[in-house]
């Protein structure tokens, strides 16, 4: 899934007054930049709502230490943004300016133009087709073990649990390692990846380059640097070990497959390229999917009618059989529930940033180089002309829609930069929800959870807290 929340500071930014005079940026609040920065950092949703009411579907925010942010929230504007010439707007540069210290510059996430397209073609087969059955067995086993360990009659955070499930899924599917194994090198890699995913990726310092000063292991940025360095050493050891493994060509994990891919002239990926792709998959597949799953469970458990309809569909489609890949396309209501959850509870206020490299016309404005265009998907997904009664949770909006307009529903970004792992993320969410519902009945502590800011992300407040009210009889688990 796309993980850009905040557009980057820009080294290309022109003087503010000259830029506005020459390019005529869209209107925006007249309050000082520090006020806009505080409001966006503390709780962006009221600020975005206010700007949409005052300025419409295209407006500008000025935040400290960054160039102008131009938010767009209509399908025509998003189409213009997502289809702008690849040499005019760069998503890779936008991603790298925030996540570069972790993701590096040699992955599909941080590349642009022909380099990005070439890498995307190499990686796409790993997330589609027959590979899904391999992933299903792994995800189902991880979710089954997690649900079996949840305490009865005791509250726990479903968000913490879904994050753990998605982290173990990434470690198993991408790295080919059992997180519960006993091999010393495997354990060291798992610990390093866990720290990288939970601590470094979530560091608020990624949004403040001026504060990225390494003053030693006990300084805030110094701690992040050492987490990255430890993870790099562990990943490179594993890459070297896998390159020399006698069974490397037979393994099905993505790391082993990355070592086998070749570009058009037969050149394999370098160790740095493999490292960067693995880290991006960890970043994109852990926090984002874990938070989306937490919101999906929050919606299901807050709305008993939705839960009962889901359970009826699972009974009709899966029954007592083990869940198989063939069942997934038939779970149409589950698909609609997840899509509606991603619409009404986006995990980010905005996403899919594009750093403008040369003046680009969008919506009647010529956006100057150094500014950042960004998809205000929170606002897009609440447009009444696209989604009547937009605050209501109605999965029926997506029933019978095999194809959704890519400029109306954008939780995975859009255009040629649409999230490479979209199919995997949707598949993983369906397997996890199905597995959990088939093994337990959960009760939510506080239905209709409020939105809480969690670093880059918008998560359900308090988790939300849930409890195992009943478990499925063992006879149903076979």
Foldseek 3Di string as FASTA:
>chain_A
DFQDFDWAAFPWADPPVVQCVVFVAFADDPDDQDVLQVCCQAPNPVRVVVRCVVRNQWYWHHHPRHHIEIEGFFLQLQVQVQPPDQVFWPQLCRVCNQCCLQLPCQELRNDTDPSNVQRLVQPLVLQDDPNLQVLLVVLLVLLLVLLVPFDFPDKDFLLVSLLVSLLQSLCCQAVVARCPDDDPLSVQLSVLLVCCQPPLLQDLCSRPVVPCDQPDCPDNNVVSSVSSVSNLVSLLVSLVVLVPDPCLVVDRHNLSVLQVTATPVRHGDDSSNSSSHSSVCSNVRRNQLSQLLLLLVLVCQLDVVLVVVQVVQCCVQQNLHDDGPVSVVSSQLLLLSSLLSCLQFPFHQWGDKIQGCAFDDGPNTGRHGRYIYIHRSNNLSQDCVLPPVSNDRDSVSCGPPPDDDCSRRASQHDHPNRNSNPSVSSSSSSSSVSSSSLFFDKHWDDHPFDWGDRRRTTHGPVSGMIHGPDTHPPSSVD
